[in-house]
Amino acid sequence: MDYLIAVVFLFAVLLLGAIGSLWFIALHARRQLAHLRRHVWNTATVSKMVPDGVSLPAPEGWAASSDVLSLLIDMIRKKRPEVVVELGSGISTVVLAAALAL
């Protein structure tokens, strides 16, 4: 009888561990999906800023991400600065110039 109780207890512990792991995986997947949605939205917003015929360089290395570019575009629209000093890899230069031209 003690053996059966130990087996049932072990099974319950393993089952709870599996459920906890699945819950953690689902939570992580939801967070990743939310991040991906924001990234796609920001990328679409940034792409609309660039004039037709102007291609953006490939985002590599230290290039600004779409969420950073979207934030900078919003700041330029709100503040309307006369001068912007920008040291970028190419993407941010093109996007900020387009935002300033509006």
C-alpha atoms as a PDB file:
ATOM      1  CA  MET A   1       0.000   0.000   0.000  1.00  0.00           C
ATOM      2  CA  ASP A   2       2.847   2.411   0.856  1.00  0.00           C
ATOM      3  CA  TYR A   3       4.375   1.661  -2.523  1.00  0.00           C
ATOM      4  CA  LEU A   4       1.130   2.642  -4.283  1.00  0.00           C
ATOM      5  CA  ILE A   5       0.899   5.917  -2.332  1.00  0.00           C
ATOM      6  CA  ALA A   6       4.500   6.752  -3.250  1.00  0.00           C
ATOM      7  CA  VAL A   7       3.834   6.035  -6.929  1.00  0.00           C
ATOM      8  CA  VAL A   8       0.657   8.160  -6.925  1.00  0.00           C
ATOM      9  CA  PHE A   9       2.485  10.985  -5.129  1.00  0.00           C
ATOM     10  CA  LEU A  10       5.365  10.838  -7.616  1.00  0.00           C
ATOM     11  CA  PHE A  11       2.924  10.836 -10.530  1.00  0.00           C
ATOM     12  CA  ALA A  12       1.115  13.875  -9.067  1.00  0.00           C
ATOM     13  CA  VAL A  13       4.393  15.770  -8.633  1.00  0.00           C
ATOM     14  CA  LEU A  14       5.448  14.976 -12.201  1.00  0.00           C
ATOM     15  CA  LEU A  15       2.024  15.983 -13.516  1.00  0.00           C
ATOM     16  CA  LEU A  16       2.140  19.302 -11.655  1.00  0.00           C
ATOM     17  CA  GLY A  17       5.633  19.933 -12.994  1.00  0.00           C
ATOM     18  CA  ALA A  18       4.489  19.243 -16.539  1.00  0.00           C
ATOM     19  CA  ILE A  19       1.483  21.546 -16.137  1.00  0.00           C
ATOM     20  CA  GLY A  20       3.727  24.268 -14.714  1.00  0.00           C
ATOM     21  CA  SER A  21       6.141  23.893 -17.613  1.00  0.00           C
ATOM     22  CA  LEU A  22       3.327  24.107 -20.156  1.00  0.00           C
ATOM     23  CA  TRP A  23       1.963  27.201 -18.426  1.00  0.00           C
ATOM     24  CA  PHE A  24       5.396  28.839 -18.519  1.00  0.00           C
ATOM     25  CA  ILE A  25       5.826  27.994 -22.212  1.00  0.00           C
ATOM     26  CA  ALA A  26       2.371  29.403 -23.027  1.00  0.00           C
ATOM     27  CA  LEU A  27       3.119  32.595 -21.084  1.00  0.00           C
ATOM     28  CA  HIS A  28       6.426  33.028 -22.893  1.00  0.00           C
ATOM     29  CA  ALA A  29       4.750  32.422 -26.266  1.00  0.00           C
ATOM     30  CA  ARG A  30       2.089  35.068 -25.508  1.00  0.00           C
ATOM     31  CA  ARG A  31       4.775  37.609 -24.602  1.00  0.00           C
ATOM     32  CA  GLN A  32       6.735  36.829 -27.752  1.00  0.00           C
ATOM     33  CA  LEU A  33       3.587  37.170 -29.863  1.00  0.00           C
ATOM     34  CA  ALA A  34       2.792  40.560 -28.296  1.00  0.00           C
ATOM     35  CA  HIS A  35       6.364  41.699 -28.997  1.00  0.00           C
ATOM     36  CA  LEU A  36       6.095  40.475 -32.590  1.00  0.00           C
ATOM     37  CA  ARG A  37       2.800  42.347 -33.089  1.00  0.00           C
ATOM     38  CA  ARG A  38       4.378  45.593 -31.837  1.00  0.00           C
ATOM     39  CA  HIS A  39       7.411  45.033 -34.063  1.00  0.00           C
ATOM     40  CA  VAL A  40       5.272  44.469 -37.173  1.00  0.00           C
ATOM     41  CA  TRP A  41       3.136  47.531 -36.360  1.00  0.00           C
ATOM     42  CA  ASN A  42       6.205  49.727 -35.824  1.00  0.00           C
ATOM     43  CA  THR A  43       7.857  48.413 -38.983  1.00  0.00           C
ATOM     44  CA  ALA A  44       4.752  49.257 -41.009  1.00  0.00           C
ATOM     45  CA  THR A  45       4.661  52.740 -39.459  1.00  0.00           C
ATOM     46  CA  VAL A  46       8.332  53.352 -40.231  1.00  0.00           C
ATOM     47  CA  SER A  47       7.929  52.034 -43.796  1.00  0.00           C
ATOM     48  CA  LYS A  48       5.148  54.549 -44.449  1.00  0.00           C
ATOM     49  CA  MET A  49       7.525  57.380 -43.512  1.00  0.00           C
ATOM     50  CA  VAL A  50      10.020  56.600 -46.256  1.00  0.00           C
ATOM     51  CA  PRO A  51       9.280  58.247 -49.623  1.00  0.00           C
ATOM     52  CA  ASP A  52       8.529  56.014 -52.593  1.00  0.00           C
ATOM     53  CA  GLY A  53      11.633  54.884 -54.401  1.00  0.00           C
ATOM     54  CA  VAL A  54      13.879  55.204 -51.330  1.00  0.00           C
ATOM     55  CA  SER A  55      15.014  51.842 -50.050  1.00  0.00           C
ATOM     56  CA  LEU A  56      16.111  51.272 -46.497  1.00  0.00           C
ATOM     57  CA  PRO A  57      19.451  49.608 -45.810  1.00  0.00           C
ATOM     58  CA  ALA A  58      19.326  46.165 -44.221  1.00  0.00           C
ATOM     59  CA  PRO A  59      18.994  46.446 -40.426  1.00  0.00           C
ATOM     60  CA  GLU A  60      22.225  44.856 -39.258  1.00  0.00           C
ATOM     61  CA  GLY A  61      24.458  45.205 -36.242  1.00  0.00           C
ATOM     62  CA  TRP A  62      23.802  48.406 -34.336  1.00  0.00           C
ATOM     63  CA  ALA A  63      20.961  49.628 -36.549  1.00  0.00           C
ATOM     64  CA  ALA A  64      18.007  51.156 -34.733  1.00  0.00           C
ATOM     65  CA  SER A  65      15.071  48.808 -34.278  1.00  0.00           C
ATOM     66  CA  SER A  66      11.605  49.651 -35.548  1.00  0.00           C
ATOM     67  CA  ASP A  67      10.345  50.505 -32.055  1.00  0.00           C
ATOM     68  CA  VAL A  68      13.187  52.996 -31.522  1.00  0.00           C
ATOM     69  CA  LEU A  69      12.611  54.531 -34.952  1.00  0.00           C
ATOM     70  CA  SER A  70       8.879  54.802 -34.273  1.00  0.00           C
ATOM     71  CA  LEU A  71       9.610  56.567 -30.976  1.00  0.00           C
ATOM     72  CA  LEU A  72      12.005  58.996 -32.694  1.00  0.00           C
ATOM     73  CA  ILE A  73       9.443  59.728 -35.416  1.00  0.00           C
ATOM     74  CA  ASP A  74       6.843  60.548 -32.759  1.00  0.00           C
ATOM     75  CA  MET A  75       9.310  62.834 -30.973  1.00  0.00           C
ATOM     76  CA  ILE A  76      10.113  64.684 -34.214  1.00  0.00           C
ATOM     77  CA  ARG A  77       6.420  65.101 -35.013  1.00  0.00           C
ATOM     78  CA  LYS A  78       5.683  66.507 -31.549  1.00  0.00           C
ATOM     79  CA  LYS A  79       8.781  68.675 -30.979  1.00  0.00           C
ATOM     80  CA  ARG A  80       9.431  69.799 -34.588  1.00  0.00           C
ATOM     81  CA  PRO A  81      13.146  70.499 -33.966  1.00  0.00           C
ATOM     82  CA  GLU A  82      15.042  72.809 -36.285  1.00  0.00           C
ATOM     83  CA  VAL A  83      18.266  70.818 -35.998  1.00  0.00           C
ATOM     84  CA  VAL A  84      18.827  67.102 -35.481  1.00  0.00           C
ATOM     85  CA  VAL A  85      22.285  65.658 -34.952  1.00  0.00           C
ATOM     86  CA  GLU A  86      22.181  62.021 -35.914  1.00  0.00           C
ATOM     87  CA  LEU A  87      24.964  59.478 -36.215  1.00  0.00           C
ATOM     88  CA  GLY A  88      23.327  56.416 -37.640  1.00  0.00           C
ATOM     89  CA  SER A  89      24.016  53.337 -39.672  1.00  0.00           C
ATOM     90  CA  GLY A  90      21.787  54.397 -42.550  1.00  0.00           C
ATOM     91  CA  ILE A  91      18.271  53.378 -41.576  1.00  0.00           C
ATOM     92  CA  SER A  92      17.842  56.015 -38.892  1.00  0.00           C
ATOM     93  CA  THR A  93      19.296  58.701 -41.170  1.00  0.00           C
ATOM     94  CA  VAL A  94      16.788  57.972 -43.933  1.00  0.00           C
ATOM     95  CA  VAL A  95      13.811  57.638 -41.578  1.00  0.00           C
ATOM     96  CA  LEU A  96      14.597  60.769 -39.544  1.00  0.00           C
ATOM     97  CA  ALA A  97      15.176  62.808 -42.709  1.00  0.00           C
ATOM     98  CA  ALA A  98      11.777  61.661 -43.974  1.00  0.00           C
ATOM     99  CA  ALA A  99      10.142  62.560 -40.648  1.00  0.00           C
ATOM    100  CA  LEU A 100      11.719  66.024 -40.727  1.00  0.00           C
ATOM    101  CA  ALA A 101      10.533  66.577 -44.303  1.00  0.00           C
ATOM    102  CA  LEU A 102       6.871  66.227 -43.306  1.00  0.00           C
END
